[in-house]
PDB file of all heavy atoms in Angstrom:
ATOM      1  N   ARG A   1      45.167 116.699  73.805  1.00  0.00           N
ATOM      2  CA  ARG A   1      43.899 117.101  73.200  1.00  0.00           C
ATOM      3  C   ARG A   1      42.790 116.263  73.835  1.00  0.00           C
ATOM      4  O   ARG A   1      43.018 115.110  74.213  1.00  0.00           O
ATOM      5  CB  ARG A   1      43.905 116.864  71.679  1.00  0.00           C
ATOM      6  CG  ARG A   1      44.844 117.772  70.896  1.00  0.00           C
ATOM      7  CD  ARG A   1      44.334 119.214  70.894  1.00  0.00           C
ATOM      8  NE  ARG A   1      45.131 120.080  70.061  1.00  0.00           N
ATOM      9  CZ  ARG A   1      46.232 120.712  70.468  1.00  0.00           C
ATOM     10  NH1 ARG A   1      46.654 120.524  71.702  1.00  0.00           N
ATOM     11  NH2 ARG A   1      46.888 121.501  69.658  1.00  0.00           N
ATOM     12  N   PRO A   2      41.568 116.793  73.935  1.00  0.00           N
ATOM     13  CA  PRO A   2      40.463 115.995  74.486  1.00  0.00           C
ATOM     14  C   PRO A   2      40.265 114.678  73.755  1.00  0.00           C
ATOM     15  O   PRO A   2      39.935 113.659  74.372  1.00  0.00           O
ATOM     16  CB  PRO A   2      39.254 116.931  74.317  1.00  0.00           C
ATOM     17  CG  PRO A   2      39.843 118.305  74.427  1.00  0.00           C
ATOM     18  CD  PRO A   2      41.171 118.206  73.710  1.00  0.00           C
ATOM     19  N   ARG A   3      40.483 114.661  72.434  1.00  0.00           N
ATOM     20  CA  ARG A   3      40.301 113.412  71.681  1.00  0.00           C
ATOM     21  C   ARG A   3      41.291 112.343  72.153  1.00  0.00           C
ATOM     22  O   ARG A   3      40.916 111.169  72.338  1.00  0.00           O
ATOM     23  CB  ARG A   3      40.510 113.675  70.180  1.00  0.00           C
ATOM     24  CG  ARG A   3      40.404 112.411  69.328  1.00  0.00           C
ATOM     25  CD  ARG A   3      40.654 112.725  67.868  1.00  0.00           C
ATOM     26  NE  ARG A   3      41.949 113.310  67.645  1.00  0.00           N
ATOM     27  CZ  ARG A   3      43.097 112.625  67.592  1.00  0.00           C
ATOM     28  NH1 ARG A   3      43.081 111.301  67.748  1.00  0.00           N
ATOM     29  NH2 ARG A   3      44.239 113.225  67.372  1.00  0.00           N
ATOM     30  N   LEU A   4      42.531 112.740  72.374  1.00  0.00           N
ATOM     31  CA  LEU A   4      43.531 111.789  72.843  1.00  0.00           C
ATOM     32  C   LEU A   4      43.236 111.367  74.279  1.00  0.00           C
ATOM     33  O   LEU A   4      43.467 110.207  74.657  1.00  0.00           O
ATOM     34  CB  LEU A   4      44.926 112.409  72.754  1.00  0.00           C
ATOM     35  CG  LEU A   4      45.394 112.780  71.345  1.00  0.00           C
ATOM     36  CD1 LEU A   4      46.753 113.474  71.401  1.00  0.00           C
ATOM     37  CD2 LEU A   4      45.471 111.545  70.461  1.00  0.00           C
ATOM     38  N   PHE A   5      42.748 112.318  75.070  1.00  0.00           N
ATOM     39  CA  PHE A   5      42.390 111.979  76.452  1.00  0.00           C
ATOM     40  C   PHE A   5      41.240 110.977  76.477  1.00  0.00           C
ATOM     41  O   PHE A   5      41.221 110.067  77.304  1.00  0.00           O
ATOM     42  CB  PHE A   5      42.000 113.261  77.200  1.00  0.00           C
ATOM     43  CG  PHE A   5      41.648 113.044  78.636  1.00  0.00           C
ATOM     44  CD1 PHE A   5      42.538 112.474  79.528  1.00  0.00           C
ATOM     45  CD2 PHE A   5      40.384 113.411  79.105  1.00  0.00           C
ATOM     46  CE1 PHE A   5      42.202 112.282  80.860  1.00  0.00           C
ATOM     47  CE2 PHE A   5      40.044 113.222  80.441  1.00  0.00           C
ATOM     48  CZ  PHE A   5      40.957 112.665  81.310  1.00  0.00           C
ATOM     49  N   HIS A   6      40.287 111.124  75.559  1.00  0.00           N
ATOM     50  CA  HIS A   6      39.179 110.167  75.472  1.00  0.00           C
ATOM     51  C   HIS A   6      39.707 108.765  75.165  1.00  0.00           C
ATOM     52  O   HIS A   6      39.278 107.776  75.765  1.00  0.00           O
ATOM     53  CB  HIS A   6      38.187 110.611  74.379  1.00  0.00           C
ATOM     54  CG  HIS A   6      37.096 109.618  74.149  1.00  0.00           C
ATOM     55  ND1 HIS A   6      37.150 108.685  73.121  1.00  0.00           N
ATOM     56  CD2 HIS A   6      35.945 109.376  74.807  1.00  0.00           C
ATOM     57  CE1 HIS A   6      36.065 107.944  73.159  1.00  0.00           C
ATOM     58  NE2 HIS A   6      35.312 108.338  74.169  1.00  0.00           N
ATOM     59  N   GLU A   7      40.655 108.663  74.226  1.00  0.00           N
ATOM     60  CA  GLU A   7      41.237 107.369  73.902  1.00  0.00           C
ATOM     61  C   GLU A   7      41.922 106.768  75.134  1.00  0.00           C
ATOM     62  O   GLU A   7      41.829 105.559  75.383  1.00  0.00           O
ATOM     63  CB  GLU A   7      42.253 107.531  72.774  1.00  0.00           C
ATOM     64  CG  GLU A   7      41.622 107.921  71.437  1.00  0.00           C
ATOM     65  CD  GLU A   7      42.658 108.126  70.358  1.00  0.00           C
ATOM     66  OE1 GLU A   7      43.857 107.828  70.624  1.00  0.00           O
ATOM     67  OE2 GLU A   7      42.313 108.579  69.253  1.00  0.00           O
ATOM     68  N   MET A   8      42.613 107.609  75.917  1.00  0.00           N
ATOM     69  CA  MET A   8      43.278 107.128  77.124  1.00  0.00           C
ATOM     70  C   MET A   8      42.254 106.617  78.133  1.00  0.00           C
ATOM     71  O   MET A   8      42.455 105.565  78.779  1.00  0.00           O
ATOM     72  CB  MET A   8      44.127 108.245  77.734  1.00  0.00           C
ATOM     73  CG  MET A   8      44.836 107.835  79.031  1.00  0.00           C
ATOM     74  SD  MET A   8      45.707 109.210  79.808  1.00  0.00           S
ATOM     75  CE  MET A   8      47.073 109.413  78.657  1.00  0.00           C
ATOM     76  N   CYS A   9      41.142 107.338  78.276  1.00  0.00           N
ATOM     77  CA  CYS A   9      40.104 106.918  79.220  1.00  0.00           C
ATOM     78  C   CYS A   9      39.509 105.567  78.817  1.00  0.00           C
ATOM     79  O   CYS A   9      39.278 104.709  79.674  1.00  0.00           O
ATOM     80  CB  CYS A   9      39.016 107.979  79.304  1.00  0.00           C
ATOM     81  SG  CYS A   9      39.501 109.518  80.122  1.00  0.00           S
ATOM     82  N   VAL A  10      39.258 105.400  77.542  1.00  0.00           N
ATOM     83  CA  VAL A  10      38.690 104.141  77.056  1.00  0.00           C
ATOM     84  C   VAL A  10      39.652 102.980  77.336  1.00  0.00           C
ATOM     85  O   VAL A  10      39.247 101.917  77.829  1.00  0.00           O
ATOM     86  CB  VAL A  10      38.363 104.231  75.567  1.00  0.00           C
ATOM     87  CG1 VAL A  10      37.980 102.860  75.006  1.00  0.00           C
ATOM     88  CG2 VAL A  10      37.239 105.237  75.324  1.00  0.00           C
ATOM     89  N   LYS A  11      40.924 103.184  77.038  1.00  0.00           N
ATOM     90  CA  LYS A  11      41.913 102.127  77.263  1.00  0.00           C
ATOM     91  C   LYS A  11      42.118 101.855  78.754  1.00  0.00           C
ATOM     92  O   LYS A  11      42.431 100.732  79.159  1.00  0.00           O
ATOM     93  CB  LYS A  11      43.235 102.515  76.620  1.00  0.00           C
ATOM     94  CG  LYS A  11      43.174 102.560  75.092  1.00  0.00           C
ATOM     95  CD  LYS A  11      44.496 103.042  74.495  1.00  0.00           C
ATOM     96  CE  LYS A  11      44.406 103.108  72.976  1.00  0.00           C
ATOM     97  NZ  LYS A  11      45.668 103.610  72.376  1.00  0.00           N
ATOM     98  N   ALA A  12      41.943 102.913  79.597  1.00  0.00           N
ATOM     99  CA  ALA A  12      42.158 102.752  81.036  1.00  0.00           C
ATOM    100  C   ALA A  12      41.185 101.754  81.651  1.00  0.00           C
ATOM    101  O   ALA A  12      41.494 101.110  82.660  1.00  0.00           O
ATOM    102  CB  ALA A  12      42.044 104.112  81.734  1.00  0.00           C
ATOM    103  N   LYS A  13      40.018 101.606  81.020  1.00  0.00           N
ATOM    104  CA  LYS A  13      39.016 100.702  81.603  1.00  0.00           C
ATOM    105  C   LYS A  13      39.487  99.240  81.611  1.00  0.00           C
ATOM    106  O   LYS A  13      38.996  98.437  82.385  1.00  0.00           O
ATOM    107  CB  LYS A  13      37.694 100.828  80.826  1.00  0.00           C
ATOM    108  CG  LYS A  13      37.021 102.175  81.043  1.00  0.00           C
ATOM    109  CD  LYS A  13      35.593 102.187  80.509  1.00  0.00           C
ATOM    110  CE  LYS A  13      35.524 102.157  79.008  1.00  0.00           C
ATOM    111  NZ  LYS A  13      34.114 102.297  78.524  1.00  0.00           N
ATOM    112  N   ARG A  14      40.457  98.929  80.750  1.00  0.00           N
ATOM    113  CA  ARG A  14      40.982  97.559  80.728  1.00  0.00           C
ATOM    114  C   ARG A  14      41.708  97.202  82.028  1.00  0.00           C
ATOM    115  O   ARG A  14      41.848  96.025  82.346  1.00  0.00           O
ATOM    116  CB  ARG A  14      41.970  97.404  79.570  1.00  0.00           C
ATOM    117  CG  ARG A  14      41.448  97.775  78.203  1.00  0.00           C
ATOM    118  CD  ARG A  14      42.571  97.729  77.190  1.00  0.00           C
ATOM    119  NE  ARG A  14      42.181  98.251  75.880  1.00  0.00           N
ATOM    120  CZ  ARG A  14      43.046  98.457  74.885  1.00  0.00           C
ATOM    121  NH1 ARG A  14      44.333  98.148  75.051  1.00  0.00           N
ATOM    122  NH2 ARG A  14      42.633  98.938  73.729  1.00  0.00           N
ATOM    123  N   TYR A  15      42.160  98.205  82.755  1.00  0.00           N
ATOM    124  CA  TYR A  15      43.037  97.965  83.899  1.00  0.00           C
ATOM    125  C   TYR A  15      42.337  98.230  85.234  1.00  0.00           C
ATOM    126  O   TYR A  15      42.984  98.229  86.271  1.00  0.00           O
ATOM    127  CB  TYR A  15      44.270  98.862  83.788  1.00  0.00           C
ATOM    128  CG  TYR A  15      45.008  98.683  82.478  1.00  0.00           C
ATOM    129  CD1 TYR A  15      44.809  99.569  81.429  1.00  0.00           C
ATOM    130  CD2 TYR A  15      45.877  97.610  82.298  1.00  0.00           C
ATOM    131  CE1 TYR A  15      45.465  99.403  80.213  1.00  0.00           C
ATOM    132  CE2 TYR A  15      46.548  97.431  81.082  1.00  0.00           C
ATOM    133  CZ  TYR A  15      46.330  98.334  80.051  1.00  0.00           C
ATOM    134  OH  TYR A  15      46.994  98.156  78.865  1.00  0.00           O
ATOM    135  N   VAL A  16      41.029  98.436  85.207  1.00  0.00           N
ATOM    136  CA  VAL A  16      40.305  98.718  86.449  1.00  0.00           C
ATOM    137  C   VAL A  16      40.107  97.434  87.239  1.00  0.00           C
ATOM    138  O   VAL A  16      39.683  96.421  86.706  1.00  0.00           O
ATOM    139  CB  VAL A  16      38.945  99.376  86.134  1.00  0.00           C
ATOM    140  CG1 VAL A  16      38.154  99.560  87.430  1.00  0.00           C
ATOM    141  CG2 VAL A  16      39.160 100.725  85.458  1.00  0.00           C
ATOM    142  N   ASP A  17      40.404  97.518  88.519  1.00  0.00           N
ATOM    143  CA  ASP A  17      40.121  96.396  89.421  1.00  0.00           C
ATOM    144  C   ASP A  17      38.603  96.228  89.499  1.00  0.00           C
ATOM    145  O   ASP A  17      37.903  97.161  89.919  1.00  0.00           O
ATOM    146  CB  ASP A  17      40.705  96.703  90.802  1.00  0.00           C
ATOM    147  CG  ASP A  17      40.546  95.542  91.783  1.00  0.00           C
ATOM    148  OD1 ASP A  17      39.624  94.729  91.611  1.00  0.00           O
ATOM    149  OD2 ASP A  17      41.337  95.483  92.731  1.00  0.00           O
ATOM    150  N   PRO A  18      38.048  95.097  89.119  1.00  0.00           N
ATOM    151  CA  PRO A  18      36.584  94.919  89.122  1.00  0.00           C
ATOM    152  C   PRO A  18      35.981  95.075  90.520  1.00  0.00           C
ATOM    153  O   PRO A  18      34.802  95.402  90.640  1.00  0.00           O
ATOM    154  CB  PRO A  18      36.387  93.524  88.551  1.00  0.00           C
ATOM    155  CG  PRO A  18      37.685  92.819  88.758  1.00  0.00           C
ATOM    156  CD  PRO A  18      38.743  93.884  88.638  1.00  0.00           C
ATOM    157  N   LYS A  19      36.767  94.821  91.556  1.00  0.00           N
ATOM    158  CA  LYS A  19      36.256  95.000  92.915  1.00  0.00           C
ATOM    159  C   LYS A  19      36.247  96.480  93.302  1.00  0.00           C
ATOM    160  O   LYS A  19      35.391  96.932  94.074  1.00  0.00           O
ATOM    161  CB  LYS A  19      37.102  94.210  93.905  1.00  0.00           C
ATOM    162  CG  LYS A  19      37.043  92.709  93.706  1.00  0.00           C
ATOM    163  CD  LYS A  19      37.902  91.979  94.746  1.00  0.00           C
ATOM    164  CE  LYS A  19      37.840  90.480  94.544  1.00  0.00           C
ATOM    165  NZ  LYS A  19      38.686  89.766  95.551  1.00  0.00           N
ATOM    166  N   LEU A  20      37.186  97.222  92.783  1.00  0.00           N
ATOM    167  CA  LEU A  20      37.279  98.646  93.128  1.00  0.00           C
ATOM    168  C   LEU A  20      36.364  99.496  92.248  1.00  0.00           C
ATOM    169  O   LEU A  20      35.697 100.417  92.729  1.00  0.00           O
ATOM    170  CB  LEU A  20      38.724  99.119  92.970  1.00  0.00           C
ATOM    171  CG  LEU A  20      39.032 100.558  93.388  1.00  0.00           C
ATOM    172  CD1 LEU A  20      38.794 100.732  94.877  1.00  0.00           C
ATOM    173  CD2 LEU A  20      40.478 100.917  93.059  1.00  0.00           C
ATOM    174  N   ARG A  21      36.352  99.185  90.951  1.00  0.00           N
ATOM    175  CA  ARG A  21      35.526  99.943  89.990  1.00  0.00           C
ATOM    176  C   ARG A  21      35.756 101.448  90.104  1.00  0.00           C
ATOM    177  O   ARG A  21      34.815 102.230  90.249  1.00  0.00           O
ATOM    178  CB  ARG A  21      34.043  99.606  90.182  1.00  0.00           C
ATOM    179  CG  ARG A  21      33.687  98.175  89.828  1.00  0.00           C
ATOM    180  CD  ARG A  21      32.227  97.872  90.057  1.00  0.00           C
ATOM    181  NE  ARG A  21      31.354  98.801  89.346  1.00  0.00           N
ATOM    182  CZ  ARG A  21      31.052  98.700  88.046  1.00  0.00           C
ATOM    183  NH1 ARG A  21      31.565  97.710  87.337  1.00  0.00           N
ATOM    184  NH2 ARG A  21      30.248  99.569  87.479  1.00  0.00           N
ATOM    185  N   MET A  22      37.013 101.850  90.043  1.00  0.00           N
ATOM    186  CA  MET A  22      37.326 103.274  90.219  1.00  0.00           C
ATOM    187  C   MET A  22      38.530 103.656  89.367  1.00  0.00           C
ATOM    188  O   MET A  22      39.484 102.889  89.254  1.00  0.00           O
ATOM    189  CB  MET A  22      37.620 103.586  91.696  1.00  0.00           C
ATOM    190  CG  MET A  22      37.956 105.044  91.961  1.00  0.00           C
ATOM    191  SD  MET A  22      38.357 105.361  93.706  1.00  0.00           S
ATOM    192  CE  MET A  22      36.761 105.010  94.460  1.00  0.00           C
ATOM    193  N   ILE A  23      38.459 104.845  88.772  1.00  0.00           N
ATOM    194  CA  ILE A  23      39.582 105.446  88.061  1.00  0.00           C
ATOM    195  C   ILE A  23      39.764 106.854  88.600  1.00  0.00           C
ATOM    196  O   ILE A  23      38.798 107.603  88.763  1.00  0.00           O
ATOM    197  CB  ILE A  23      39.341 105.496  86.534  1.00  0.00           C
ATOM    198  CG1 ILE A  23      39.366 104.077  85.963  1.00  0.00           C
ATOM    199  CG2 ILE A  23      40.366 106.363  85.848  1.00  0.00           C
ATOM    200  CD1 ILE A  23      39.084 104.033  84.480  1.00  0.00           C
ATOM    201  N   LEU A  24      41.008 107.210  88.899  1.00  0.00           N
ATOM    202  CA  LEU A  24      41.310 108.541  89.424  1.00  0.00           C
ATOM    203  C   LEU A  24      41.857 109.414  88.302  1.00  0.00           C
ATOM    204  O   LEU A  24      42.829 109.046  87.637  1.00  0.00           O
ATOM    205  CB  LEU A  24      42.337 108.444  90.573  1.00  0.00           C
ATOM    206  CG  LEU A  24      42.805 109.774  91.157  1.00  0.00           C
ATOM    207  CD1 LEU A  24      41.660 110.495  91.849  1.00  0.00           C
ATOM    208  CD2 LEU A  24      43.955 109.527  92.141  1.00  0.00           C
ATOM    209  N   ALA A  25      41.220 110.554  88.074  1.00  0.00           N
ATOM    210  CA  ALA A  25      41.692 111.498  87.070  1.00  0.00           C
ATOM    211  C   ALA A  25      42.538 112.568  87.763  1.00  0.00           C
ATOM    212  O   ALA A  25      42.081 113.224  88.697  1.00  0.00           O
ATOM    213  CB  ALA A  25      40.515 112.165  86.350  1.00  0.00           C
ATOM    214  N   GLU A  26      43.740 112.758  87.305  1.00  0.00           N
ATOM    215  CA  GLU A  26      44.678 113.725  87.898  1.00  0.00           C
ATOM    216  C   GLU A  26      44.997 114.786  86.852  1.00  0.00           C
ATOM    217  O   GLU A  26      45.609 114.479  85.838  1.00  0.00           O
ATOM    218  CB  GLU A  26      45.930 112.990  88.371  1.00  0.00           C
ATOM    219  CG  GLU A  26      47.198 113.791  88.535  1.00  0.00           C
ATOM    220  CD  GLU A  26      47.092 114.867  89.590  1.00  0.00           C
ATOM    221  OE1 GLU A  26      46.221 114.771  90.438  1.00  0.00           O
ATOM    222  OE2 GLU A  26      47.870 115.822  89.525  1.00  0.00           O
ATOM    223  N   CYS A  27      44.614 116.013  87.023  1.00  0.00           N
ATOM    224  CA  CYS A  27      43.828 116.506  88.145  1.00  0.00           C
ATOM    225  C   CYS A  27      42.940 117.641  87.653  1.00  0.00           C
ATOM    226  O   CYS A  27      42.933 117.956  86.481  1.00  0.00           O
ATOM    227  CB  CYS A  27      44.699 116.938  89.300  1.00  0.00           C
ATOM    228  SG  CYS A  27      45.935 118.107  88.780  1.00  0.00           S
ATOM    229  N   TRP A  28      42.209 118.295  88.544  1.00  0.00           N
ATOM    230  CA  TRP A  28      41.181 119.255  88.155  1.00  0.00           C
ATOM    231  C   TRP A  28      41.771 120.534  87.556  1.00  0.00           C
ATOM    232  O   TRP A  28      41.358 120.961  86.475  1.00  0.00           O
ATOM    233  CB  TRP A  28      40.310 119.594  89.365  1.00  0.00           C
ATOM    234  CG  TRP A  28      39.247 120.614  89.089  1.00  0.00           C
ATOM    235  CD1 TRP A  28      39.224 121.911  89.510  1.00  0.00           C
ATOM    236  CD2 TRP A  28      38.061 120.442  88.301  1.00  0.00           C
ATOM    237  NE1 TRP A  28      38.098 122.543  89.053  1.00  0.00           N
ATOM    238  CE2 TRP A  28      37.364 121.664  88.300  1.00  0.00           C
ATOM    239  CE3 TRP A  28      37.525 119.363  87.604  1.00  0.00           C
ATOM    240  CZ2 TRP A  28      36.157 121.852  87.639  1.00  0.00           C
ATOM    241  CZ3 TRP A  28      36.315 119.548  86.930  1.00  0.00           C
ATOM    242  CH2 TRP A  28      35.647 120.778  86.959  1.00  0.00           C
ATOM    243  N   ASN A  29      42.735 121.164  88.225  1.00  0.00           N
ATOM    244  CA  ASN A  29      43.173 122.479  87.731  1.00  0.00           C
ATOM    245  C   ASN A  29      44.655 122.755  87.947  1.00  0.00           C
ATOM    246  O   ASN A  29      45.034 123.854  88.336  1.00  0.00           O
ATOM    247  CB  ASN A  29      42.352 123.589  88.396  1.00  0.00           C
ATOM    248  CG  ASN A  29      42.527 123.612  89.906  1.00  0.00           C
ATOM    249  OD1 ASN A  29      43.140 122.721  90.482  1.00  0.00           O
ATOM    250  ND2 ASN A  29      41.971 124.631  90.545  1.00  0.00           N
TER     251      ASN A  29
END
C-alpha cells in the first residue's frame, strides 16, 4: 500500500550514504 511504502521510504533515509545522497526506487512499471 502507498502508506506502507511511505514508511519504508522514511526508514530508508537512515541508511543513505551521506556522500552519495541517493536512493534507488525499483521500479517504475
